[in-house]
Amino acid sequence: MQRARVIGQAVATAKHPSMHGYKLLIVQPLGTDDRPDEYPIIVIDKFGAGVGSTVIISSDGKFARKVTGSKVTPVRYTTLGIEDAKRGVHR
């Protein structure tokens, strides 16, 4: 798990069937000091995070297969929740 900041959205006119119904977000992973860590990545989101939100992401392929309900999916990164600075993480 890692914190990341949503910096944009991605749109795909054609995508794998396991990805239908999910929003694609471009996120910037954050280090422990809240500074950018590595390169931006694309994640699937079912929580409705928007640009500027801080989210918790996972790169667990097994979890991605569980979330999408597919034994075979190209998804690697998923959101686990949206961080609310006042209340913590919402799942």
C-alpha atoms as a PDB file:
ATOM      1  CA  MET A   1       0.000   0.000   0.000  1.00  0.00           C
ATOM      2  CA  GLN A   2       1.139   3.509  -0.738  1.00  0.00           C
ATOM      3  CA  ARG A   3      -0.296   6.991  -0.648  1.00  0.00           C
ATOM      4  CA  ALA A   4      -0.671   8.803  -3.968  1.00  0.00           C
ATOM      5  CA  ARG A   5      -2.101  12.095  -5.200  1.00  0.00           C
ATOM      6  CA  VAL A   6      -4.557  12.116  -8.103  1.00  0.00           C
ATOM      7  CA  ILE A   7      -3.143  14.357 -10.845  1.00  0.00           C
ATOM      8  CA  GLY A   8      -5.516  13.530 -13.697  1.00  0.00           C
ATOM      9  CA  GLN A   9      -7.894  11.121 -15.385  1.00  0.00           C
ATOM     10  CA  ALA A  10      -7.297   8.763 -18.292  1.00  0.00           C
ATOM     11  CA  VAL A  11      -9.850   7.851 -20.942  1.00  0.00           C
ATOM     12  CA  ALA A  12      -9.801   4.664 -22.999  1.00  0.00           C
ATOM     13  CA  THR A  13     -12.157   4.094 -25.904  1.00  0.00           C
ATOM     14  CA  ALA A  14     -11.343   0.387 -25.791  1.00  0.00           C
ATOM     15  CA  LYS A  15     -10.361  -1.463 -22.653  1.00  0.00           C
ATOM     16  CA  HIS A  16     -10.240  -4.978 -21.272  1.00  0.00           C
ATOM     17  CA  PRO A  17     -13.702  -6.261 -20.225  1.00  0.00           C
ATOM     18  CA  SER A  18     -12.521  -6.533 -16.595  1.00  0.00           C
ATOM     19  CA  MET A  19     -12.006  -2.755 -16.522  1.00  0.00           C
ATOM     20  CA  HIS A  20     -15.532  -1.729 -17.537  1.00  0.00           C
ATOM     21  CA  GLY A  21     -17.266   0.378 -14.901  1.00  0.00           C
ATOM     22  CA  TYR A  22     -14.047   1.698 -13.357  1.00  0.00           C
ATOM     23  CA  LYS A  23     -12.667   5.201 -13.632  1.00  0.00           C
ATOM     24  CA  LEU A  24      -9.016   5.410 -14.685  1.00  0.00           C
ATOM     25  CA  LEU A  25      -6.932   7.839 -12.654  1.00  0.00           C
ATOM     26  CA  ILE A  26      -3.408   9.114 -13.124  1.00  0.00           C
ATOM     27  CA  VAL A  27      -1.770   9.226  -9.704  1.00  0.00           C
ATOM     28  CA  GLN A  28       1.580  10.379  -8.401  1.00  0.00           C
ATOM     29  CA  PRO A  29       2.881   8.005  -5.710  1.00  0.00           C
ATOM     30  CA  LEU A  30       4.093   9.840  -2.600  1.00  0.00           C
ATOM     31  CA  GLY A  31       7.037   9.111  -0.339  1.00  0.00           C
ATOM     32  CA  THR A  32       6.906   9.221   3.445  1.00  0.00           C
ATOM     33  CA  ASP A  33       7.677  12.958   3.257  1.00  0.00           C
ATOM     34  CA  ASP A  34       4.669  13.593   0.922  1.00  0.00           C
ATOM     35  CA  ARG A  35       7.015  14.374  -1.969  1.00  0.00           C
ATOM     36  CA  PRO A  36       6.614  12.656  -5.363  1.00  0.00           C
ATOM     37  CA  ASP A  37       8.105   9.163  -5.420  1.00  0.00           C
ATOM     38  CA  GLU A  38       8.833   7.533  -8.799  1.00  0.00           C
ATOM     39  CA  TYR A  39       6.723   8.152 -11.916  1.00  0.00           C
ATOM     40  CA  PRO A  40       2.946   8.694 -12.209  1.00  0.00           C
ATOM     41  CA  ILE A  41       0.887   5.534 -12.789  1.00  0.00           C
ATOM     42  CA  ILE A  42      -2.647   4.657 -13.877  1.00  0.00           C
ATOM     43  CA  VAL A  43      -4.980   3.014 -11.356  1.00  0.00           C
ATOM     44  CA  ILE A  44      -8.596   1.867 -11.485  1.00  0.00           C
ATOM     45  CA  ASP A  45     -10.899   3.594  -9.029  1.00  0.00           C
ATOM     46  CA  LYS A  46     -14.339   2.664  -7.711  1.00  0.00           C
ATOM     47  CA  PHE A  47     -14.520   5.279  -4.948  1.00  0.00           C
ATOM     48  CA  GLY A  48     -14.947   8.439  -7.038  1.00  0.00           C
ATOM     49  CA  ALA A  49     -11.634  10.136  -6.250  1.00  0.00           C
ATOM     50  CA  GLY A  50     -10.978  13.384  -8.079  1.00  0.00           C
ATOM     51  CA  VAL A  51      -7.994  15.464  -9.086  1.00  0.00           C
ATOM     52  CA  GLY A  52      -6.196  16.678  -5.963  1.00  0.00           C
ATOM     53  CA  SER A  53      -7.440  13.811  -3.771  1.00  0.00           C
ATOM     54  CA  THR A  54      -4.972  11.708  -1.832  1.00  0.00           C
ATOM     55  CA  VAL A  55      -5.681   8.003  -2.240  1.00  0.00           C
ATOM     56  CA  ILE A  56      -4.281   4.752  -0.925  1.00  0.00           C
ATOM     57  CA  ILE A  57      -3.184   2.470  -3.777  1.00  0.00           C
ATOM     58  CA  SER A  58      -2.190  -1.179  -4.036  1.00  0.00           C
ATOM     59  CA  SER A  59      -0.101  -2.995  -6.630  1.00  0.00           C
ATOM     60  CA  ASP A  60      -1.307  -6.420  -5.494  1.00  0.00           C
ATOM     61  CA  GLY A  61      -2.336  -8.368  -8.610  1.00  0.00           C
ATOM     62  CA  LYS A  62      -4.366 -10.865  -6.580  1.00  0.00           C
ATOM     63  CA  PHE A  63      -6.393  -8.006  -5.082  1.00  0.00           C
ATOM     64  CA  ALA A  64      -6.882  -6.471  -8.558  1.00  0.00           C
ATOM     65  CA  ARG A  65      -8.295  -9.792  -9.808  1.00  0.00           C
ATOM     66  CA  LYS A  66     -10.629  -9.934  -6.798  1.00  0.00           C
ATOM     67  CA  VAL A  67     -11.824  -6.344  -7.306  1.00  0.00           C
ATOM     68  CA  THR A  68     -12.467  -6.797 -11.028  1.00  0.00           C
ATOM     69  CA  GLY A  69     -13.941 -10.259 -10.601  1.00  0.00           C
ATOM     70  CA  SER A  70     -11.719 -11.555 -13.384  1.00  0.00           C
ATOM     71  CA  LYS A  71      -9.127 -14.327 -13.300  1.00  0.00           C
ATOM     72  CA  VAL A  72      -7.275 -12.543 -16.094  1.00  0.00           C
ATOM     73  CA  THR A  73      -6.921  -8.760 -16.051  1.00  0.00           C
ATOM     74  CA  PRO A  74      -4.256  -6.271 -17.146  1.00  0.00           C
ATOM     75  CA  VAL A  75      -4.957  -4.216 -14.008  1.00  0.00           C
ATOM     76  CA  ARG A  76      -2.080  -3.954 -11.570  1.00  0.00           C
ATOM     77  CA  TYR A  77      -2.884  -0.846  -9.516  1.00  0.00           C
ATOM     78  CA  THR A  78      -6.153  -0.181  -7.687  1.00  0.00           C
ATOM     79  CA  THR A  79      -7.365   2.376  -5.168  1.00  0.00           C
ATOM     80  CA  LEU A  80      -8.121   1.082  -1.687  1.00  0.00           C
ATOM     81  CA  GLY A  81      -9.624   4.288  -0.343  1.00  0.00           C
ATOM     82  CA  ILE A  82      -9.643   8.083  -0.343  1.00  0.00           C
ATOM     83  CA  GLU A  83      -7.813   9.895   2.415  1.00  0.00           C
ATOM     84  CA  ASP A  84      -9.717  12.620   4.239  1.00  0.00           C
ATOM     85  CA  ALA A  85      -7.316  14.882   6.124  1.00  0.00           C
ATOM     86  CA  LYS A  86      -9.917  15.472   8.843  1.00  0.00           C
ATOM     87  CA  ARG A  87     -11.215  11.937   9.292  1.00  0.00           C
ATOM     88  CA  GLY A  88      -8.647   9.488   7.924  1.00  0.00           C
ATOM     89  CA  VAL A  89      -9.206   7.033   5.079  1.00  0.00           C
ATOM     90  CA  HIS A  90     -12.658   6.221   3.622  1.00  0.00           C
ATOM     91  CA  ARG A  91     -13.150   2.771   2.083  1.00  0.00           C
END
